[in-house]
Every structure is written in C-alpha cells, then in structure tokens.
Protein backbone atom coordinates (compact mmCIF):
# COMPACT_ATOMS: atom_id res chain seq x y z
CA UNK A 1 -5.55 1.74 32.60
CA UNK A 2 -5.03 5.02 30.66
CA UNK A 3 -3.19 5.01 27.45
CA UNK A 4 -1.08 7.94 26.73
CA UNK A 5 0.67 8.89 23.55
CA UNK A 6 3.35 11.62 24.00
CA UNK A 7 4.22 13.31 20.61
CA UNK A 8 7.52 15.11 20.59
CA UNK A 9 7.47 17.78 17.75
CA UNK A 10 10.92 19.24 18.17
CA UNK A 11 13.45 18.04 15.63
CA UNK A 12 16.23 18.20 18.19
CA UNK A 13 16.61 15.76 20.89
CA UNK A 14 18.97 18.09 22.82
CA UNK A 15 15.96 20.55 23.24
CA UNK A 16 13.98 21.51 26.25
CA UNK A 17 11.03 19.98 24.45
CA UNK A 18 12.69 16.66 24.51
CA UNK A 19 13.29 16.96 28.25
CA UNK A 20 9.74 17.92 28.80
CA UNK A 21 8.38 15.06 26.89
CA UNK A 22 10.65 12.71 29.01
CA UNK A 23 9.54 14.25 32.09
CA UNK A 24 5.81 13.73 31.23
CA UNK A 25 6.72 10.09 30.33
CA UNK A 26 8.48 9.58 33.83
CA UNK A 27 5.61 11.07 35.63
CA UNK A 28 2.84 9.13 33.82
CA UNK A 29 4.75 5.77 34.31
CA UNK A 30 4.48 6.12 38.08
CA UNK A 31 0.59 5.86 37.70
CA UNK A 32 0.74 2.53 35.93
CA UNK A 33 -0.46 4.17 32.75
CA UNK A 34 0.44 2.55 29.37
CA UNK A 35 2.68 5.12 27.68
CA UNK A 36 4.24 5.34 24.29
CA UNK A 37 6.48 8.28 23.01
CA UNK A 38 6.69 9.22 19.45
CA UNK A 39 9.44 11.50 18.24
CA UNK A 40 8.33 13.04 14.76
CA UNK A 41 11.93 13.68 13.82
CA UNK A 42 12.62 9.89 14.05
CA UNK A 43 10.02 8.98 11.63
CA UNK A 44 10.89 8.27 7.93
CA UNK A 45 8.23 10.19 5.90
CA UNK A 46 7.68 12.95 3.49
CA UNK A 47 6.07 15.84 5.34
CA UNK A 48 4.83 17.37 2.09
CA UNK A 49 1.12 16.67 1.39
CA UNK A 50 2.10 16.89 -2.37
CA UNK A 51 -1.43 16.54 -3.98
CA UNK A 52 -3.46 17.98 -1.17
CA UNK A 53 -6.70 16.07 -1.05
CA UNK A 54 -6.94 15.54 -4.86
CA UNK A 55 -4.95 12.31 -4.78
CA UNK A 56 -3.87 10.14 -1.69
CA UNK A 57 -0.27 9.54 -1.20
CA UNK A 58 0.59 6.11 0.18
CA UNK A 59 1.33 6.35 3.97
CA UNK A 60 4.94 5.35 4.74
CA UNK A 61 5.40 2.54 7.31
CA UNK A 62 6.35 4.89 10.09
CA UNK A 63 3.07 6.91 9.49
CA UNK A 64 1.11 3.78 9.59
CA UNK A 65 2.70 2.85 13.04
CA UNK A 66 2.12 6.43 14.17
CA UNK A 67 -1.62 6.05 13.09
CA UNK A 68 -2.03 2.90 15.03
CA UNK A 69 -0.67 4.60 18.26
CA UNK A 70 -2.99 7.57 17.61
CA UNK A 71 -6.02 5.18 17.38
CA UNK A 72 -4.71 3.30 20.44
CA UNK A 73 -4.26 6.26 22.83
CA UNK A 74 -6.86 7.85 25.13
CA UNK A 75 -4.74 10.94 25.82
CA UNK A 76 -2.44 12.65 23.37
CA UNK A 77 0.38 14.93 24.81
CA UNK A 78 1.89 17.16 22.17
CA UNK A 79 5.22 18.75 22.92
CA UNK A 80 6.67 21.35 20.50
CA UNK A 81 8.34 24.81 20.31
CA UNK A 82 6.60 27.83 18.81
CA UNK A 83 8.67 28.97 15.73
CA UNK A 84 7.71 32.10 13.92
CA UNK A 85 4.32 31.94 15.82
CA UNK A 86 3.65 28.45 14.58
CA UNK A 87 4.43 24.68 14.58
CA UNK A 88 7.79 23.34 13.49
CA UNK A 89 7.68 22.30 9.84
CA UNK A 90 8.10 18.66 10.63
CA UNK A 91 5.27 18.66 13.12
CA UNK A 92 2.95 20.47 10.56
CA UNK A 93 3.88 17.95 7.89
CA UNK A 94 3.21 15.09 10.29
CA UNK A 95 -0.34 16.41 10.83
CA UNK A 96 -0.79 17.11 7.08
CA UNK A 97 0.15 13.55 6.25
CA UNK A 98 -1.66 11.68 9.05
CA UNK A 99 -4.81 13.72 9.83
CA UNK A 100 -6.61 12.76 6.68
CA UNK A 101 -10.19 12.18 5.50
CA UNK A 102 -11.06 8.63 6.47
CA UNK A 103 -8.41 8.27 9.03
CA UNK A 104 -9.08 10.88 11.72
CA UNK A 105 -12.35 12.41 10.43
CA UNK A 106 -14.82 11.42 7.71
CA UNK A 107 -16.59 13.88 5.52
CA UNK A 108 -20.39 13.57 5.21
CA UNK A 109 -21.14 13.70 1.50
CA UNK A 110 -23.00 16.71 0.29
CA UNK A 111 -22.46 18.60 3.43
CA UNK A 112 -19.78 20.60 5.15
CA UNK A 113 -20.06 18.34 8.08
CA UNK A 114 -17.85 15.41 9.08
CA UNK A 115 -17.79 12.48 11.46
CA UNK A 116 -15.14 12.80 14.16
CA UNK A 117 -13.08 9.50 14.28
CA UNK A 118 -10.89 10.40 17.26
CA UNK A 119 -13.85 11.15 19.54
CA UNK A 120 -13.43 10.22 23.17
CA UNK A 121 -9.67 11.16 23.33
CA UNK A 122 -8.26 14.12 25.19
CA UNK A 123 -5.19 16.15 24.78
CA UNK A 124 -2.61 18.31 26.43
CA UNK A 125 -0.45 20.74 24.45
CA UNK A 126 2.92 21.71 25.90
CA UNK A 127 4.71 24.43 24.02
CA UNK A 128 7.85 26.37 24.59
CA UNK A 129 8.07 30.03 23.73
CA UNK A 130 10.73 32.77 23.54
CA UNK A 131 8.09 35.16 24.90
CA UNK A 132 5.56 35.10 27.79
CA UNK A 133 2.48 32.94 27.15
CA UNK A 134 0.20 35.73 27.91
CA UNK A 135 1.98 37.87 25.36
CA UNK A 136 1.80 35.10 22.71
CA UNK A 137 -1.99 34.86 23.26
CA UNK A 138 -2.66 38.67 23.42
CA UNK A 139 -0.37 39.98 20.71
CA UNK A 140 -0.18 37.05 18.32
CA UNK A 141 -3.50 35.36 19.00
CA UNK A 142 -1.58 32.13 19.65
CA UNK A 143 -1.54 30.72 16.05
CA UNK A 144 0.08 27.43 16.80
CA UNK A 145 -2.45 26.61 19.70
CA UNK A 146 -5.36 27.48 17.43
CA UNK A 147 -3.95 25.44 14.51
CA UNK A 148 -3.39 22.36 16.51
CA UNK A 149 -6.51 22.69 18.76
CA UNK A 150 -8.45 23.23 15.58
CA UNK A 151 -7.16 20.03 13.87
CA UNK A 152 -7.67 17.97 16.97
CA UNK A 153 -11.26 19.29 17.63
CA UNK A 154 -12.20 18.54 14.07
CA UNK A 155 -11.44 15.03 14.70
CA UNK A 156 -13.29 14.80 18.01
CA UNK A 157 -10.49 15.36 20.61
CA UNK A 158 -11.73 17.10 23.64
CA UNK A 159 -10.99 18.67 26.02
CA UNK A 160 -7.66 20.14 25.06
CA UNK A 161 -5.50 21.73 27.81
CA UNK A 162 -2.43 24.02 27.05
CA UNK A 163 0.70 24.69 28.91
CA UNK A 164 3.07 27.46 27.69
CA UNK A 165 6.73 27.25 28.85
CA UNK A 166 8.86 30.27 28.55
CA UNK A 167 10.64 32.67 28.18
CA UNK A 168 13.21 29.97 27.02
CA UNK A 169 15.96 32.08 25.56
CA UNK A 170 16.54 33.94 28.85
CA UNK A 171 15.86 30.90 31.20
CA UNK A 172 18.27 29.70 33.72
CA UNK A 173 19.02 26.04 34.72
CA UNK A 174 16.99 26.59 37.82
CA UNK A 175 13.90 27.80 35.76
CA UNK A 176 14.24 24.79 33.29
CA UNK A 177 14.47 22.44 36.18
CA UNK A 178 11.32 23.92 37.68
CA UNK A 179 9.46 23.57 34.27
CA UNK A 180 10.65 20.04 33.91
CA UNK A 181 9.46 19.07 37.42
CA UNK A 182 6.00 20.77 36.81
CA UNK A 183 5.51 18.69 33.62
CA UNK A 184 6.59 15.60 35.42
CA UNK A 185 3.95 16.44 37.92
CA UNK A 186 1.27 16.71 35.20
CA UNK A 187 2.40 13.34 34.05
CA UNK A 188 1.74 11.97 37.54
CA UNK A 189 -1.82 13.34 37.44
CA UNK A 190 -2.33 11.82 34.05
CA UNK A 191 -3.62 15.13 32.92
C-alpha cells in the first residue's frame, strides 16, 4: 500500500492550494492508499534557521511529528503558490528547519558529497501561478521549482513531477473546478 504525504504550503486555508491538496487527498483515498496531510501553517515552529548550520536549534514537537511523516511516506505531494517567483516564506522556513544534515541527508566528512537519507521516495509539486507555467519557466527560469526540486534531489527524492496551475488571478469558477478535478484524478492514479 502506497504511503502518501500531502504538504500544503499555503498559509491560507481559503486558498485554491488548500482545495487542490484536498482534491489530491480525496483522489488518493479511493485507491486504498495510506494518506496523511500536513498544513505547514498549522504547525507551531519558528521558521527561522537562526544559526544556519553553525549550531543546531532544537526541533519543536510539530517539526518532529512532520519529520516522522516525512520518513514514513513513499510519495510526497507539495502544494504551494508561487509568490514573487519563489516559495511562501512559511514553506521555505519549513524546509530550512527540517531538511537538515543528519535528518534528510548526511554529509560525508572531508568531501562535498553526502548520503541521501530520503532515497526511494518520489514527489509531485503542484504549484499555482498568476502567469502561464510556460512563461514562468521561460522568463523566470522557475526558481521555486528549482529550489524545491534541488532540496528534494539532494536528499534522494526522485523522480519529481511538476504541475503548474494558472493563471489564478483571472480564473473563473469553471476553470478552478477543472483544475481541482484534474488534481483529484492525479490522486486516483497515485502519481
């Protein structure tokens, strides 16, 4: 049975991202998958990696629970909006605080190499935009995608597939319903 962790990186539960995460959840539950959903905005943690890697900050209880879910899952589904070309601050802070040496990757002493501690996991990124996905890739070089993919790949997650949803700001209810239905269908396929 496939174990799926859906990570909602939008701070607002009245968002399209929230609806997309719920749609993926509904779809995947029809396939008898084990599914957990994590809303980053609901976690109690400081998103600031205050000391960088010089000194380890103790992980809050919610981050420890999130880490256990991360280890448990076979497939990670990240849902977030693109803001100013990148990830929302709370999502970036979640990655900064949780994707740490010894947890998701392990540096090999005296080299630039590292052991990938999340090897064997796959991922899907579902991100909303206020521009067409092709334009985001072509004109901006898709910085949020590269940032998240780079972090996940460094830890061994592969393959990673991406879905762009947009243009959100000019979308109609009919378009949003179609996007939600498409993501629910992805969940049914467990992709």
